[in-house]
């Protein structure tokens, strides 16, 4: 049988400490805005140069317009599995192109 804790100060202190540490880490994190901008620029370039027209179209519908896979399948008159497979291949191709850019 467990003994009931009479004092919960430890839990409060540890959560405060973790919160303080999180705030400190965010405040002292290195600025990576240049790397993010380079990644965005390379992503735009890779989307235009490396993907097939179908992959471009589906990525635009999925990420830019916020459609889900069944909606894309209905709009393009395709199976949902075709949409899923095409999006996966597009993401894999983009990953291969971008993984060494930073």
PDB file of N, CA and C in Angstrom:
ATOM      1  N   UNK A   1       0.840  -1.171   0.000  1.00  0.00           N
ATOM      2  CA  UNK A   1       0.000   0.000   0.000  1.00  0.00           C
ATOM      3  C   UNK A   1       0.890   1.240   0.000  1.00  0.00           C
ATOM      4  N   UNK A   2       0.576   2.188  -0.838  1.00  0.00           N
ATOM      5  CA  UNK A   2       1.361   3.414  -0.947  1.00  0.00           C
ATOM      6  C   UNK A   2       0.996   4.380   0.157  1.00  0.00           C
ATOM      7  N   UNK A   3       2.021   5.079   0.603  1.00  0.00           N
ATOM      8  CA  UNK A   3       1.790   6.120   1.596  1.00  0.00           C
ATOM      9  C   UNK A   3       1.354   7.383   0.867  1.00  0.00           C
ATOM     10  N   UNK A   4       0.323   8.026   1.348  1.00  0.00           N
ATOM     11  CA  UNK A   4      -0.062   9.289   0.719  1.00  0.00           C
ATOM     12  C   UNK A   4       0.998  10.350   0.963  1.00  0.00           C
ATOM     13  N   UNK A   5       1.233  11.140  -0.029  1.00  0.00           N
ATOM     14  CA  UNK A   5       2.211  12.213   0.123  1.00  0.00           C
ATOM     15  C   UNK A   5       1.577  13.351   0.902  1.00  0.00           C
ATOM     16  N   UNK A   6       2.268  13.790   1.875  1.00  0.00           N
ATOM     17  CA  UNK A   6       1.747  14.887   2.678  1.00  0.00           C
ATOM     18  C   UNK A   6       2.172  16.236   2.136  1.00  0.00           C
ATOM     19  N   UNK A   7       3.170  16.217   1.247  1.00  0.00           N
ATOM     20  CA  UNK A   7       3.716  17.480   0.761  1.00  0.00           C
ATOM     21  C   UNK A   7       3.924  17.378  -0.748  1.00  0.00           C
ATOM     22  N   UNK A   8       3.338  18.260  -1.510  1.00  0.00           N
ATOM     23  CA  UNK A   8       3.509  18.219  -2.959  1.00  0.00           C
ATOM     24  C   UNK A   8       4.383  19.366  -3.447  1.00  0.00           C
ATOM     25  N   UNK A   9       5.207  19.961  -2.587  1.00  0.00           N
ATOM     26  CA  UNK A   9       6.071  21.059  -2.988  1.00  0.00           C
ATOM     27  C   UNK A   9       7.088  20.623  -4.039  1.00  0.00           C
ATOM     28  N   UNK A  10       7.549  19.382  -3.970  1.00  0.00           N
ATOM     29  CA  UNK A  10       8.531  18.910  -4.943  1.00  0.00           C
ATOM     30  C   UNK A  10       7.969  18.965  -6.361  1.00  0.00           C
ATOM     31  N   UNK A  11       6.732  18.495  -6.524  1.00  0.00           N
ATOM     32  CA  UNK A  11       6.120  18.520  -7.848  1.00  0.00           C
ATOM     33  C   UNK A  11       5.996  19.944  -8.378  1.00  0.00           C
ATOM     34  N   UNK A  12       5.599  20.860  -7.542  1.00  0.00           N
ATOM     35  CA  UNK A  12       5.449  22.244  -7.954  1.00  0.00           C
ATOM     36  C   UNK A  12       6.801  22.848  -8.317  1.00  0.00           C
ATOM     37  N   UNK A  13       7.799  22.601  -7.490  1.00  0.00           N
ATOM     38  CA  UNK A  13       9.124  23.147  -7.752  1.00  0.00           C
ATOM     39  C   UNK A  13       9.716  22.576  -9.034  1.00  0.00           C
ATOM     40  N   UNK A  14       9.549  21.279  -9.238  1.00  0.00           N
ATOM     41  CA  UNK A  14      10.135  20.681 -10.439  1.00  0.00           C
ATOM     42  C   UNK A  14       9.457  21.193 -11.698  1.00  0.00           C
ATOM     43  N   UNK A  15       8.149  21.400 -11.677  1.00  0.00           N
ATOM     44  CA  UNK A  15       7.475  21.928 -12.868  1.00  0.00           C
ATOM     45  C   UNK A  15       7.852  23.391 -13.101  1.00  0.00           C
ATOM     46  N   UNK A  16       8.034  24.160 -12.035  1.00  0.00           N
ATOM     47  CA  UNK A  16       8.490  25.542 -12.194  1.00  0.00           C
ATOM     48  C   UNK A  16       9.898  25.570 -12.782  1.00  0.00           C
ATOM     49  N   UNK A  17      10.753  24.685 -12.299  1.00  0.00           N
ATOM     50  CA  UNK A  17      12.119  24.617 -12.801  1.00  0.00           C
ATOM     51  C   UNK A  17      12.135  24.269 -14.281  1.00  0.00           C
ATOM     52  N   UNK A  18      11.323  23.288 -14.668  1.00  0.00           N
ATOM     53  CA  UNK A  18      11.271  22.899 -16.076  1.00  0.00           C
ATOM     54  C   UNK A  18      10.760  24.054 -16.935  1.00  0.00           C
ATOM     55  N   UNK A  19       9.769  24.781 -16.443  1.00  0.00           N
ATOM     56  CA  UNK A  19       9.260  25.936 -17.181  1.00  0.00           C
ATOM     57  C   UNK A  19      10.302  27.025 -17.314  1.00  0.00           C
ATOM     58  N   UNK A  20      11.035  27.280 -16.222  1.00  0.00           N
ATOM     59  CA  UNK A  20      12.100  28.285 -16.267  1.00  0.00           C
ATOM     60  C   UNK A  20      13.195  27.880 -17.244  1.00  0.00           C
ATOM     61  N   UNK A  21      13.547  26.613 -17.244  1.00  0.00           N
ATOM     62  CA  UNK A  21      14.576  26.125 -18.154  1.00  0.00           C
ATOM     63  C   UNK A  21      14.138  26.283 -19.603  1.00  0.00           C
ATOM     64  N   UNK A  22      12.882  25.990 -19.884  1.00  0.00           N
ATOM     65  CA  UNK A  22      12.353  26.141 -21.242  1.00  0.00           C
ATOM     66  C   UNK A  22      12.428  27.596 -21.695  1.00  0.00           C
ATOM     67  N   UNK A  23      12.033  28.505 -20.815  1.00  0.00           N
ATOM     68  CA  UNK A  23      12.088  29.935 -21.151  1.00  0.00           C
ATOM     69  C   UNK A  23      13.532  30.349 -21.404  1.00  0.00           C
ATOM     70  N   UNK A  24      14.451  29.922 -20.559  1.00  0.00           N
ATOM     71  CA  UNK A  24      15.860  30.277 -20.716  1.00  0.00           C
ATOM     72  C   UNK A  24      16.419  29.732 -22.024  1.00  0.00           C
ATOM     73  N   UNK A  25      16.085  28.461 -22.357  1.00  0.00           N
ATOM     74  CA  UNK A  25      16.590  27.868 -23.595  1.00  0.00           C
ATOM     75  C   UNK A  25      16.091  28.625 -24.821  1.00  0.00           C
ATOM     76  N   UNK A  26      14.834  29.016 -24.808  1.00  0.00           N
ATOM     77  CA  UNK A  26      14.299  29.784 -25.939  1.00  0.00           C
ATOM     78  C   UNK A  26      14.979  31.140 -26.068  1.00  0.00           C
ATOM     79  N   UNK A  27      15.216  31.780 -24.938  1.00  0.00           N
ATOM     80  CA  UNK A  27      15.834  33.102 -24.961  1.00  0.00           C
ATOM     81  C   UNK A  27      17.290  33.044 -25.419  1.00  0.00           C
ATOM     82  N   UNK A  28      17.968  31.937 -25.134  1.00  0.00           N
ATOM     83  CA  UNK A  28      19.389  31.826 -25.442  1.00  0.00           C
ATOM     84  C   UNK A  28      19.689  30.928 -26.634  1.00  0.00           C
ATOM     85  N   UNK A  29      18.665  30.545 -27.366  1.00  0.00           N
ATOM     86  CA  UNK A  29      18.870  29.692 -28.540  1.00  0.00           C
ATOM     87  C   UNK A  29      19.534  30.493 -29.649  1.00  0.00           C
ATOM     88  N   UNK A  30      20.376  29.850 -30.428  1.00  0.00           N
ATOM     89  CA  UNK A  30      21.018  30.580 -31.526  1.00  0.00           C
ATOM     90  C   UNK A  30      19.981  30.954 -32.592  1.00  0.00           C
ATOM     91  N   UNK A  31      20.237  32.035 -33.267  1.00  0.00           N
ATOM     92  CA  UNK A  31      19.342  32.492 -34.323  1.00  0.00           C
ATOM     93  C   UNK A  31      19.566  31.634 -35.573  1.00  0.00           C
ATOM     94  N   UNK A  32      18.534  30.950 -35.998  1.00  0.00           N
ATOM     95  CA  UNK A  32      18.664  30.094 -37.172  1.00  0.00           C
ATOM     96  C   UNK A  32      17.800  30.603 -38.330  1.00  0.00           C
ATOM     97  N   UNK A  33      17.472  31.878 -38.315  1.00  0.00           N
ATOM     98  CA  UNK A  33      16.599  32.418 -39.360  1.00  0.00           C
ATOM     99  C   UNK A  33      17.249  32.339 -40.741  1.00  0.00           C
ATOM    100  N   UNK A  34      18.568  32.493 -40.809  1.00  0.00           N
ATOM    101  CA  UNK A  34      19.258  32.396 -42.095  1.00  0.00           C
ATOM    102  C   UNK A  34      19.153  30.984 -42.663  1.00  0.00           C
ATOM    103  N   UNK A  35      19.317  29.991 -41.814  1.00  0.00           N
ATOM    104  CA  UNK A  35      19.209  28.599 -42.265  1.00  0.00           C
ATOM    105  C   UNK A  35      17.784  28.277 -42.697  1.00  0.00           C
ATOM    106  N   UNK A  36      16.795  28.780 -41.943  1.00  0.00           N
ATOM    107  CA  UNK A  36      15.402  28.530 -42.321  1.00  0.00           C
ATOM    108  C   UNK A  36      15.062  29.186 -43.652  1.00  0.00           C
ATOM    109  N   UNK A  37      15.552  30.384 -43.870  1.00  0.00           N
ATOM    110  CA  UNK A  37      15.300  31.064 -45.143  1.00  0.00           C
ATOM    111  C   UNK A  37      15.933  30.303 -46.303  1.00  0.00           C
ATOM    112  N   UNK A  38      17.153  29.810 -46.102  1.00  0.00           N
ATOM    113  CA  UNK A  38      17.824  29.023 -47.146  1.00  0.00           C
ATOM    114  C   UNK A  38      17.034  27.743 -47.430  1.00  0.00           C
ATOM    115  N   UNK A  39      16.525  27.090 -46.375  1.00  0.00           N
ATOM    116  CA  UNK A  39      15.732  25.872 -46.554  1.00  0.00           C
ATOM    117  C   UNK A  39      14.445  26.177 -47.320  1.00  0.00           C
ATOM    118  N   UNK A  40      13.772  27.273 -46.983  1.00  0.00           N
ATOM    119  CA  UNK A  40      12.548  27.649 -47.702  1.00  0.00           C
ATOM    120  C   UNK A  40      12.836  27.921 -49.182  1.00  0.00           C
ATOM    121  N   UNK A  41      13.920  28.641 -49.439  1.00  0.00           N
ATOM    122  CA  UNK A  41      14.297  28.950 -50.826  1.00  0.00           C
ATOM    123  C   UNK A  41      14.595  27.669 -51.604  1.00  0.00           C
ATOM    124  N   UNK A  42      15.354  26.767 -50.990  1.00  0.00           N
ATOM    125  CA  UNK A  42      15.674  25.500 -51.650  1.00  0.00           C
ATOM    126  C   UNK A  42      14.447  24.612 -51.812  1.00  0.00           C
ATOM    127  N   UNK A  43      13.524  24.686 -50.872  1.00  0.00           N
ATOM    128  CA  UNK A  43      12.286  23.913 -50.991  1.00  0.00           C
ATOM    129  C   UNK A  43      11.469  24.401 -52.184  1.00  0.00           C
ATOM    130  N   UNK A  44      11.349  25.723 -52.312  1.00  0.00           N
ATOM    131  CA  UNK A  44      10.611  26.251 -53.483  1.00  0.00           C
ATOM    132  C   UNK A  44      11.267  25.798 -54.783  1.00  0.00           C
ATOM    133  N   UNK A  45      12.596  25.875 -54.838  1.00  0.00           N
ATOM    134  CA  UNK A  45      13.324  25.467 -56.038  1.00  0.00           C
ATOM    135  C   UNK A  45      13.144  23.971 -56.313  1.00  0.00           C
ATOM    136  N   UNK A  46      13.232  23.153 -55.275  1.00  0.00           N
ATOM    137  CA  UNK A  46      13.087  21.705 -55.446  1.00  0.00           C
ATOM    138  C   UNK A  46      11.673  21.351 -55.893  1.00  0.00           C
ATOM    139  N   UNK A  47      10.670  22.043 -55.348  1.00  0.00           N
ATOM    140  CA  UNK A  47       9.295  21.763 -55.771  1.00  0.00           C
ATOM    141  C   UNK A  47       9.117  22.036 -57.259  1.00  0.00           C
ATOM    142  N   UNK A  48       9.746  23.064 -57.754  1.00  0.00           N
ATOM    143  CA  UNK A  48       9.621  23.408 -59.172  1.00  0.00           C
ATOM    144  C   UNK A  48      10.456  22.507 -60.080  1.00  0.00           C
ATOM    145  N   UNK A  49      11.646  22.134 -59.656  1.00  0.00           N
ATOM    146  CA  UNK A  49      12.576  21.445 -60.545  1.00  0.00           C
ATOM    147  C   UNK A  49      12.587  19.931 -60.404  1.00  0.00           C
ATOM    148  N   UNK A  50      12.249  19.402 -59.255  1.00  0.00           N
ATOM    149  CA  UNK A  50      12.461  17.975 -59.001  1.00  0.00           C
ATOM    150  C   UNK A  50      11.200  17.124 -59.037  1.00  0.00           C
ATOM    151  N   UNK A  51      10.040  17.732 -58.918  1.00  0.00           N
ATOM    152  CA  UNK A  51       8.808  16.954 -58.827  1.00  0.00           C
ATOM    153  C   UNK A  51       8.126  16.827 -60.183  1.00  0.00           C
ATOM    154  N   UNK A  52       7.367  15.755 -60.319  1.00  0.00           N
ATOM    155  CA  UNK A  52       6.549  15.581 -61.517  1.00  0.00           C
ATOM    156  C   UNK A  52       5.362  16.545 -61.446  1.00  0.00           C
ATOM    157  N   UNK A  53       4.713  16.822 -62.560  1.00  0.00           N
ATOM    158  CA  UNK A  53       3.537  17.705 -62.522  1.00  0.00           C
ATOM    159  C   UNK A  53       2.442  17.201 -61.581  1.00  0.00           C
ATOM    160  N   UNK A  54       2.215  15.899 -61.548  1.00  0.00           N
ATOM    161  CA  UNK A  54       1.196  15.343 -60.659  1.00  0.00           C
ATOM    162  C   UNK A  54       1.587  15.543 -59.190  1.00  0.00           C
ATOM    163  N   UNK A  55       2.853  15.329 -58.875  1.00  0.00           N
ATOM    164  CA  UNK A  55       3.318  15.524 -57.506  1.00  0.00           C
ATOM    165  C   UNK A  55       3.172  16.989 -57.098  1.00  0.00           C
ATOM    166  N   UNK A  56       3.534  17.903 -57.986  1.00  0.00           N
ATOM    167  CA  UNK A  56       3.373  19.331 -57.704  1.00  0.00           C
ATOM    168  C   UNK A  56       1.918  19.677 -57.417  1.00  0.00           C
ATOM    169  N   UNK A  57       1.036  19.153 -58.258  1.00  0.00           N
ATOM    170  CA  UNK A  57      -0.380  19.444 -58.119  1.00  0.00           C
ATOM    171  C   UNK A  57      -0.903  18.940 -56.777  1.00  0.00           C
ATOM    172  N   UNK A  58      -0.542  17.712 -56.418  1.00  0.00           N
ATOM    173  CA  UNK A  58      -1.049  17.147 -55.176  1.00  0.00           C
ATOM    174  C   UNK A  58      -0.445  17.818 -53.945  1.00  0.00           C
ATOM    175  N   UNK A  59       0.822  18.186 -54.013  1.00  0.00           N
ATOM    176  CA  UNK A  59       1.424  18.913 -52.891  1.00  0.00           C
ATOM    177  C   UNK A  59       0.739  20.262 -52.702  1.00  0.00           C
ATOM    178  N   UNK A  60       0.438  20.933 -53.784  1.00  0.00           N
ATOM    179  CA  UNK A  60      -0.247  22.215 -53.677  1.00  0.00           C
ATOM    180  C   UNK A  60      -1.627  22.045 -53.047  1.00  0.00           C
ATOM    181  N   UNK A  61      -2.364  21.042 -53.487  1.00  0.00           N
ATOM    182  CA  UNK A  61      -3.686  20.813 -52.919  1.00  0.00           C
ATOM    183  C   UNK A  61      -3.605  20.427 -51.439  1.00  0.00           C
ATOM    184  N   UNK A  62      -2.636  19.598 -51.100  1.00  0.00           N
ATOM    185  CA  UNK A  62      -2.541  19.070 -49.734  1.00  0.00           C
ATOM    186  C   UNK A  62      -1.983  20.112 -48.764  1.00  0.00           C
ATOM    187  N   UNK A  63      -0.854  20.699 -49.078  1.00  0.00           N
ATOM    188  CA  UNK A  63      -0.197  21.604 -48.141  1.00  0.00           C
ATOM    189  C   UNK A  63      -0.641  23.053 -48.298  1.00  0.00           C
ATOM    190  N   UNK A  64      -0.757  23.526 -49.528  1.00  0.00           N
ATOM    191  CA  UNK A  64      -1.063  24.939 -49.739  1.00  0.00           C
ATOM    192  C   UNK A  64      -2.555  25.242 -49.593  1.00  0.00           C
ATOM    193  N   UNK A  65      -3.406  24.336 -50.074  1.00  0.00           N
ATOM    194  CA  UNK A  65      -4.842  24.581 -50.012  1.00  0.00           C
ATOM    195  C   UNK A  65      -5.520  23.855 -48.852  1.00  0.00           C
ATOM    196  N   UNK A  66      -4.792  22.989 -48.157  1.00  0.00           N
ATOM    197  CA  UNK A  66      -5.326  22.349 -46.957  1.00  0.00           C
ATOM    198  C   UNK A  66      -6.340  21.242 -47.197  1.00  0.00           C
ATOM    199  N   UNK A  67      -6.348  20.683 -48.384  1.00  0.00           N
ATOM    200  CA  UNK A  67      -7.278  19.579 -48.659  1.00  0.00           C
ATOM    201  C   UNK A  67      -6.712  18.294 -48.065  1.00  0.00           C
ATOM    202  N   UNK A  68      -7.617  17.390 -47.657  1.00  0.00           N
ATOM    203  CA  UNK A  68      -7.144  16.092 -47.180  1.00  0.00           C
ATOM    204  C   UNK A  68      -7.135  15.094 -48.340  1.00  0.00           C
ATOM    205  N   UNK A  69      -6.620  13.911 -48.095  1.00  0.00           N
ATOM    206  CA  UNK A  69      -6.443  12.933 -49.177  1.00  0.00           C
ATOM    207  C   UNK A  69      -7.746  12.503 -49.838  1.00  0.00           C
ATOM    208  N   UNK A  70      -8.796  12.213 -49.074  1.00  0.00           N
ATOM    209  CA  UNK A  70     -10.057  11.862 -49.759  1.00  0.00           C
ATOM    210  C   UNK A  70     -10.600  12.994 -50.633  1.00  0.00           C
ATOM    211  N   UNK A  71     -10.440  14.244 -50.183  1.00  0.00           N
ATOM    212  CA  UNK A  71     -10.902  15.373 -50.996  1.00  0.00           C
ATOM    213  C   UNK A  71     -10.101  15.488 -52.289  1.00  0.00           C
ATOM    214  N   UNK A  72      -8.794  15.298 -52.193  1.00  0.00           N
ATOM    215  CA  UNK A  72      -7.947  15.345 -53.388  1.00  0.00           C
ATOM    216  C   UNK A  72      -8.317  14.217 -54.331  1.00  0.00           C
ATOM    217  N   UNK A  73      -8.546  13.031 -53.784  1.00  0.00           N
ATOM    218  CA  UNK A  73      -8.909  11.881 -54.617  1.00  0.00           C
ATOM    219  C   UNK A  73     -10.208  12.152 -55.381  1.00  0.00           C
ATOM    220  N   UNK A  74     -11.193  12.733 -54.690  1.00  0.00           N
ATOM    221  CA  UNK A  74     -12.458  13.041 -55.368  1.00  0.00           C
ATOM    222  C   UNK A  74     -12.266  14.121 -56.426  1.00  0.00           C
ATOM    223  N   UNK A  75     -11.493  15.157 -56.097  1.00  0.00           N
ATOM    224  CA  UNK A  75     -11.300  16.271 -57.036  1.00  0.00           C
ATOM    225  C   UNK A  75     -10.571  15.833 -58.300  1.00  0.00           C
ATOM    226  N   UNK A  76      -9.627  14.897 -58.153  1.00  0.00           N
ATOM    227  CA  UNK A  76      -8.838  14.451 -59.311  1.00  0.00           C
ATOM    228  C   UNK A  76      -9.320  13.128 -59.882  1.00  0.00           C
ATOM    229  N   UNK A  77     -10.391  12.590 -59.320  1.00  0.00           N
ATOM    230  CA  UNK A  77     -10.964  11.321 -59.756  1.00  0.00           C
ATOM    231  C   UNK A  77      -9.918  10.198 -59.711  1.00  0.00           C
ATOM    232  N   UNK A  78      -9.293  10.049 -58.532  1.00  0.00           N
ATOM    233  CA  UNK A  78      -8.278   9.019 -58.303  1.00  0.00           C
ATOM    234  C   UNK A  78      -8.619   8.236 -57.048  1.00  0.00           C
ATOM    235  N   UNK A  79      -7.952   7.109 -56.878  1.00  0.00           N
ATOM    236  CA  UNK A  79      -8.074   6.372 -55.622  1.00  0.00           C
ATOM    237  C   UNK A  79      -7.323   7.117 -54.532  1.00  0.00           C
ATOM    238  N   UNK A  80      -7.800   6.971 -53.302  1.00  0.00           N
ATOM    239  CA  UNK A  80      -7.112   7.587 -52.171  1.00  0.00           C
ATOM    240  C   UNK A  80      -5.691   7.032 -52.036  1.00  0.00           C
ATOM    241  N   UNK A  81      -5.520   5.745 -52.317  1.00  0.00           N
ATOM    242  CA  UNK A  81      -4.191   5.144 -52.207  1.00  0.00           C
ATOM    243  C   UNK A  81      -3.219   5.756 -53.219  1.00  0.00           C
ATOM    244  N   UNK A  82      -3.718   6.133 -54.381  1.00  0.00           N
ATOM    245  CA  UNK A  82      -2.869   6.782 -55.381  1.00  0.00           C
ATOM    246  C   UNK A  82      -2.410   8.147 -54.878  1.00  0.00           C
ATOM    247  N   UNK A  83      -3.315   8.878 -54.274  1.00  0.00           N
ATOM    248  CA  UNK A  83      -2.974  10.183 -53.713  1.00  0.00           C
ATOM    249  C   UNK A  83      -1.946  10.015 -52.601  1.00  0.00           C
ATOM    250  N   UNK A  84      -2.183   9.071 -51.715  1.00  0.00           N
ATOM    251  CA  UNK A  84      -1.266   8.829 -50.602  1.00  0.00           C
ATOM    252  C   UNK A  84       0.124   8.447 -51.097  1.00  0.00           C
ATOM    253  N   UNK A  85       0.170   7.550 -52.052  1.00  0.00           N
ATOM    254  CA  UNK A  85       1.441   7.084 -52.596  1.00  0.00           C
ATOM    255  C   UNK A  85       2.185   8.222 -53.322  1.00  0.00           C
ATOM    256  N   UNK A  86       1.459   9.031 -54.073  1.00  0.00           N
ATOM    257  CA  UNK A  86       2.077  10.140 -54.796  1.00  0.00           C
ATOM    258  C   UNK A  86       2.634  11.186 -53.833  1.00  0.00           C
ATOM    259  N   UNK A  87       1.887  11.508 -52.782  1.00  0.00           N
ATOM    260  CA  UNK A  87       2.364  12.467 -51.785  1.00  0.00           C
ATOM    261  C   UNK A  87       3.594  11.932 -51.047  1.00  0.00           C
ATOM    262  N   UNK A  88       3.574  10.648 -50.732  1.00  0.00           N
ATOM    263  CA  UNK A  88       4.723  10.049 -50.039  1.00  0.00           C
ATOM    264  C   UNK A  88       5.966  10.116 -50.920  1.00  0.00           C
ATOM    265  N   UNK A  89       5.815   9.781 -52.174  1.00  0.00           N
ATOM    266  CA  UNK A  89       6.960   9.829 -53.091  1.00  0.00           C
ATOM    267  C   UNK A  89       7.460  11.248 -53.286  1.00  0.00           C
ATOM    268  N   UNK A  90       6.566  12.204 -53.325  1.00  0.00           N
ATOM    269  CA  UNK A  90       6.976  13.607 -53.467  1.00  0.00           C
ATOM    270  C   UNK A  90       7.756  14.055 -52.233  1.00  0.00           C
ATOM    271  N   UNK A  91       7.269  13.708 -51.045  1.00  0.00           N
ATOM    272  CA  UNK A  91       7.992  14.070 -49.817  1.00  0.00           C
ATOM    273  C   UNK A  91       9.357  13.404 -49.761  1.00  0.00           C
ATOM    274  N   UNK A  92       9.423  12.145 -50.168  1.00  0.00           N
ATOM    275  CA  UNK A  92      10.708  11.439 -50.179  1.00  0.00           C
ATOM    276  C   UNK A  92      11.683  12.105 -51.153  1.00  0.00           C
ATOM    277  N   UNK A  93      11.197  12.491 -52.312  1.00  0.00           N
ATOM    278  CA  UNK A  93      12.060  13.133 -53.301  1.00  0.00           C
ATOM    279  C   UNK A  93      12.557  14.488 -52.786  1.00  0.00           C
ATOM    280  N   UNK A  94      11.674  15.243 -52.159  1.00  0.00           N
ATOM    281  CA  UNK A  94      12.079  16.525 -51.595  1.00  0.00           C
ATOM    282  C   UNK A  94      13.081  16.328 -50.461  1.00  0.00           C
ATOM    283  N   UNK A  95      12.856  15.317 -49.646  1.00  0.00           N
ATOM    284  CA  UNK A  95      13.793  15.046 -48.553  1.00  0.00           C
ATOM    285  C   UNK A  95      15.186  14.729 -49.105  1.00  0.00           C
ATOM    286  N   UNK A  96      15.235  13.893 -50.126  1.00  0.00           N
ATOM    287  CA  UNK A  96      16.537  13.556 -50.725  1.00  0.00           C
ATOM    288  C   UNK A  96      17.224  14.792 -51.283  1.00  0.00           C
ATOM    289  N   UNK A  97      16.462  15.718 -51.835  1.00  0.00           N
ATOM    290  CA  UNK A  97      17.044  16.929 -52.395  1.00  0.00           C
ATOM    291  C   UNK A  97      17.514  17.905 -51.320  1.00  0.00           C
ATOM    292  N   UNK A  98      16.812  17.944 -50.201  1.00  0.00           N
ATOM    293  CA  UNK A  98      17.052  18.991 -49.213  1.00  0.00           C
ATOM    294  C   UNK A  98      17.866  18.557 -47.993  1.00  0.00           C
ATOM    295  N   UNK A  99      18.100  17.301 -47.816  1.00  0.00           N
ATOM    296  CA  UNK A  99      18.705  16.869 -46.557  1.00  0.00           C
ATOM    297  C   UNK A  99      20.124  17.372 -46.344  1.00  0.00           C
ATOM    298  N   UNK A 100      20.820  17.755 -47.378  1.00  0.00           N
ATOM    299  CA  UNK A 100      22.174  18.260 -47.219  1.00  0.00           C
ATOM    300  C   UNK A 100      22.301  19.756 -47.457  1.00  0.00           C
ATOM    301  N   UNK A 101      21.198  20.443 -47.597  1.00  0.00           N
ATOM    302  CA  UNK A 101      21.260  21.866 -47.932  1.00  0.00           C
ATOM    303  C   UNK A 101      21.629  22.743 -46.748  1.00  0.00           C
ATOM    304  N   UNK A 102      21.466  22.262 -45.540  1.00  0.00           N
ATOM    305  CA  UNK A 102      21.820  23.077 -44.384  1.00  0.00           C
ATOM    306  C   UNK A 102      23.213  22.729 -43.998  1.00  0.00           C
TER     307      UNK A 102
END
